[in-house]
């Protein structure tokens, strides 16, 4: 859907002004962690991780990868980084919610996007794993000159992993400041947390 006003720029480009082919190339540079995770439960974990490479592979290679996983060293390395290398060949539906969330992060690690959009990427993780996941995501896109844009509802994660906070309420920007300029009380007030 086009914006009702103004323009949207993604990695310096206006997607509405691109050809279908160039738009596909642009979206291949954008990695996402959806709140619903967008994983295929019946597939093995390694296949869900390899979905991060589909934009780089031909249709034949993608289909063959369902029979014999392609890019296995990279997929296993990504799973190792999220602590799930030993689960690579299990069906994804057998994993816990937190484990599935880490599979979605491993998918991004093999994709190596220039921009990461993450909707609550640590909601199903315990505090230690949440910090680890945000650290991985925070290193991923900026290492390629891009950025991580994350919707987070935990002020502690915001404080530890974000440079800037853009707060929305009822469709309007109500806060837009560097994290370093915000006190814990400012964050608590915005998040509606009582201290």
Protein backbone atom coordinates (compact mmCIF):
# COMPACT_ATOMS: atom_id res chain seq x y z
CA UNK A 1 0.00 0.00 0.00
CA UNK A 2 1.46 3.39 -0.92
CA UNK A 3 1.90 5.95 1.86
CA UNK A 4 -0.97 8.39 2.35
CA UNK A 5 1.52 11.26 2.47
CA UNK A 6 5.23 11.73 1.85
CA UNK A 7 7.58 9.08 0.53
CA UNK A 8 9.20 5.98 1.92
CA UNK A 9 12.88 5.35 1.27
CA UNK A 10 14.46 1.97 1.92
CA UNK A 11 18.25 1.79 1.76
CA UNK A 12 18.22 5.03 -0.22
CA UNK A 13 15.62 3.93 -2.77
CA UNK A 14 11.93 4.69 -3.21
CA UNK A 15 10.39 1.22 -3.73
CA UNK A 16 7.35 2.71 -5.48
CA UNK A 17 9.59 4.08 -8.23
CA UNK A 18 11.44 0.82 -8.92
CA UNK A 19 10.75 -1.83 -11.51
CA UNK A 20 9.50 -5.17 -10.19
CA UNK A 21 12.96 -6.67 -10.69
CA UNK A 22 14.76 -3.85 -8.86
CA UNK A 23 12.18 -3.96 -6.08
CA UNK A 24 12.86 -7.70 -5.59
CA UNK A 25 16.60 -6.93 -5.42
CA UNK A 26 15.92 -4.24 -2.82
CA UNK A 27 13.73 -6.51 -0.66
CA UNK A 28 16.43 -9.22 -0.83
CA UNK A 29 18.65 -6.76 1.09
CA UNK A 30 16.06 -6.43 3.86
CA UNK A 31 15.85 -9.10 6.55
CA UNK A 32 12.90 -9.48 8.85
CA UNK A 33 12.02 -11.16 12.10
CA UNK A 34 8.24 -11.16 12.21
CA UNK A 35 6.44 -11.52 15.52
CA UNK A 36 4.80 -14.64 14.02
CA UNK A 37 8.32 -15.76 12.88
CA UNK A 38 7.16 -16.97 9.42
CA UNK A 39 8.71 -20.43 9.78
CA UNK A 40 7.41 -23.65 8.18
CA UNK A 41 6.82 -26.03 11.08
CA UNK A 42 6.90 -29.25 9.04
CA UNK A 43 10.31 -28.44 7.59
CA UNK A 44 13.55 -29.22 9.35
CA UNK A 45 15.30 -26.37 11.13
CA UNK A 46 18.09 -26.23 8.54
CA UNK A 47 15.56 -25.66 5.74
CA UNK A 48 14.02 -22.72 7.59
CA UNK A 49 17.47 -21.25 8.12
CA UNK A 50 18.31 -21.72 4.44
CA UNK A 51 15.20 -19.72 3.52
CA UNK A 52 17.40 -16.70 4.23
CA UNK A 53 19.39 -17.58 1.09
CA UNK A 54 16.49 -18.07 -1.33
CA UNK A 55 16.95 -14.67 -2.98
CA UNK A 56 20.52 -15.71 -3.90
CA UNK A 57 19.65 -19.19 -5.19
CA UNK A 58 18.08 -20.37 -8.42
CA UNK A 59 14.74 -22.14 -8.20
CA UNK A 60 16.47 -25.45 -8.96
CA UNK A 61 19.00 -25.00 -6.16
CA UNK A 62 16.25 -24.01 -3.69
CA UNK A 63 14.21 -27.09 -4.62
CA UNK A 64 17.25 -29.39 -4.43
CA UNK A 65 18.09 -27.92 -1.03
CA UNK A 66 14.85 -29.40 0.32
CA UNK A 67 16.25 -32.84 -0.55
CA UNK A 68 19.88 -32.24 0.33
CA UNK A 69 20.46 -29.00 2.30
CA UNK A 70 22.69 -26.58 0.43
CA UNK A 71 25.01 -24.15 2.20
CA UNK A 72 25.14 -26.53 5.15
CA UNK A 73 28.34 -25.13 6.74
CA UNK A 74 26.86 -21.60 6.79
CA UNK A 75 23.50 -22.79 8.13
CA UNK A 76 25.17 -24.84 10.87
CA UNK A 77 27.44 -21.91 11.79
CA UNK A 78 24.40 -19.62 12.09
CA UNK A 79 22.59 -22.19 14.22
CA UNK A 80 25.67 -22.55 16.39
CA UNK A 81 25.69 -18.79 16.99
CA UNK A 82 22.13 -19.01 18.35
CA UNK A 83 22.83 -22.19 20.32
CA UNK A 84 20.85 -24.61 18.13
CA UNK A 85 23.39 -26.44 15.94
CA UNK A 86 22.38 -29.72 17.57
CA UNK A 87 18.75 -29.21 16.44
CA UNK A 88 19.48 -28.59 12.72
CA UNK A 89 17.70 -31.69 11.46
CA UNK A 90 14.69 -31.64 13.76
CA UNK A 91 11.29 -30.56 12.52
CA UNK A 92 10.83 -26.92 13.42
CA UNK A 93 7.38 -27.52 14.92
CA UNK A 94 9.00 -29.60 17.69
CA UNK A 95 10.96 -26.62 19.00
CA UNK A 96 9.84 -24.32 21.79
CA UNK A 97 8.75 -20.77 21.00
CA UNK A 98 12.11 -19.37 22.09
CA UNK A 99 13.99 -21.90 19.98
CA UNK A 100 11.87 -21.03 16.94
CA UNK A 101 12.65 -17.36 17.55
CA UNK A 102 16.36 -18.21 17.46
CA UNK A 103 15.85 -20.13 14.18
CA UNK A 104 14.37 -16.94 12.68
CA UNK A 105 17.48 -15.05 13.82
CA UNK A 106 19.77 -17.74 12.33
CA UNK A 107 17.87 -17.28 9.03
CA UNK A 108 18.91 -13.62 9.09
CA UNK A 109 22.51 -14.55 9.85
CA UNK A 110 22.75 -16.57 6.63
CA UNK A 111 20.89 -13.90 4.65
CA UNK A 112 23.27 -11.12 5.78
CA UNK A 113 20.85 -8.28 5.02
CA UNK A 114 21.78 -4.62 4.86
CA UNK A 115 18.68 -3.66 6.86
CA UNK A 116 17.02 -5.70 9.62
CA UNK A 117 13.40 -5.07 10.61
CA UNK A 118 12.54 -6.96 13.78
CA UNK A 119 9.19 -7.12 15.54
CA UNK A 120 9.76 -8.22 19.13
CA UNK A 121 12.74 -10.43 18.20
CA UNK A 122 13.33 -11.50 21.81
CA UNK A 123 9.79 -11.78 23.20
CA UNK A 124 9.95 -15.56 23.74
CA UNK A 125 13.51 -15.59 25.09
CA UNK A 126 14.80 -15.54 28.63
CA UNK A 127 16.81 -12.42 29.59
CA UNK A 128 20.23 -13.93 28.80
CA UNK A 129 19.15 -15.24 25.37
CA UNK A 130 17.29 -11.98 24.65
CA UNK A 131 20.49 -10.00 25.20
CA UNK A 132 22.43 -12.44 23.05
CA UNK A 133 19.86 -12.27 20.24
CA UNK A 134 19.81 -8.46 20.24
CA UNK A 135 23.61 -8.40 20.22
CA UNK A 136 23.67 -10.65 17.13
CA UNK A 137 21.04 -8.56 15.35
CA UNK A 138 22.76 -5.34 16.36
CA UNK A 139 26.03 -6.54 14.83
CA UNK A 140 24.49 -7.89 11.62
CA UNK A 141 23.21 -4.98 9.54
CA UNK A 142 25.50 -2.20 10.84
CA UNK A 143 28.49 -4.37 9.87
CA UNK A 144 27.25 -4.01 6.27
CA UNK A 145 26.58 -0.27 6.54
CA UNK A 146 22.89 -0.72 7.31
CA UNK A 147 20.78 -0.63 10.42
CA UNK A 148 18.61 -2.59 12.81
CA UNK A 149 15.09 -1.27 13.35
CA UNK A 150 13.36 -3.16 16.13
CA UNK A 151 10.03 -2.91 17.90
CA UNK A 152 10.84 -3.65 21.53
CA UNK A 153 8.61 -3.51 24.57
CA UNK A 154 11.37 -4.03 27.12
CA UNK A 155 13.01 -0.76 28.22
CA UNK A 156 16.05 -2.69 29.48
CA UNK A 157 16.72 -4.14 26.02
CA UNK A 158 16.26 -0.69 24.53
CA UNK A 159 18.76 0.78 26.98
CA UNK A 160 21.36 -1.95 26.33
CA UNK A 161 21.01 -2.42 22.58
CA UNK A 162 19.64 0.67 20.87
CA UNK A 163 21.19 3.98 19.88
CA UNK A 164 17.92 5.80 19.26
CA UNK A 165 14.33 5.46 20.42
CA UNK A 166 11.40 6.42 18.25
CA UNK A 167 8.24 6.01 20.28
CA UNK A 168 4.81 5.81 18.69
CA UNK A 169 1.44 6.26 20.36
CA UNK A 170 -1.86 6.26 18.49
CA UNK A 171 -0.05 6.52 15.15
CA UNK A 172 2.07 9.54 16.09
CA UNK A 173 5.73 9.96 16.98
CA UNK A 174 5.80 10.99 20.64
CA UNK A 175 9.46 10.34 21.37
CA UNK A 176 12.49 10.55 19.08
CA UNK A 177 15.79 10.83 20.91
CA UNK A 178 19.14 9.14 21.31
CA UNK A 179 18.97 6.54 24.08
CA UNK A 180 21.95 8.16 25.82
CA UNK A 181 19.85 11.29 26.43
CA UNK A 182 17.03 9.40 28.14
CA UNK A 183 16.95 8.67 31.83
CA UNK A 184 15.58 5.39 33.13
CA UNK A 185 12.59 7.41 34.36
CA UNK A 186 12.00 8.76 30.81
CA UNK A 187 11.95 5.24 29.40
CA UNK A 188 9.79 3.94 32.22
CA UNK A 189 7.29 6.75 31.67
CA UNK A 190 7.13 6.12 27.92
CA UNK A 191 6.70 2.38 28.43
CA UNK A 192 4.18 2.92 31.23
CA UNK A 193 6.31 1.00 33.70
CA UNK A 194 6.07 1.90 37.36
CA UNK A 195 9.39 2.00 39.18
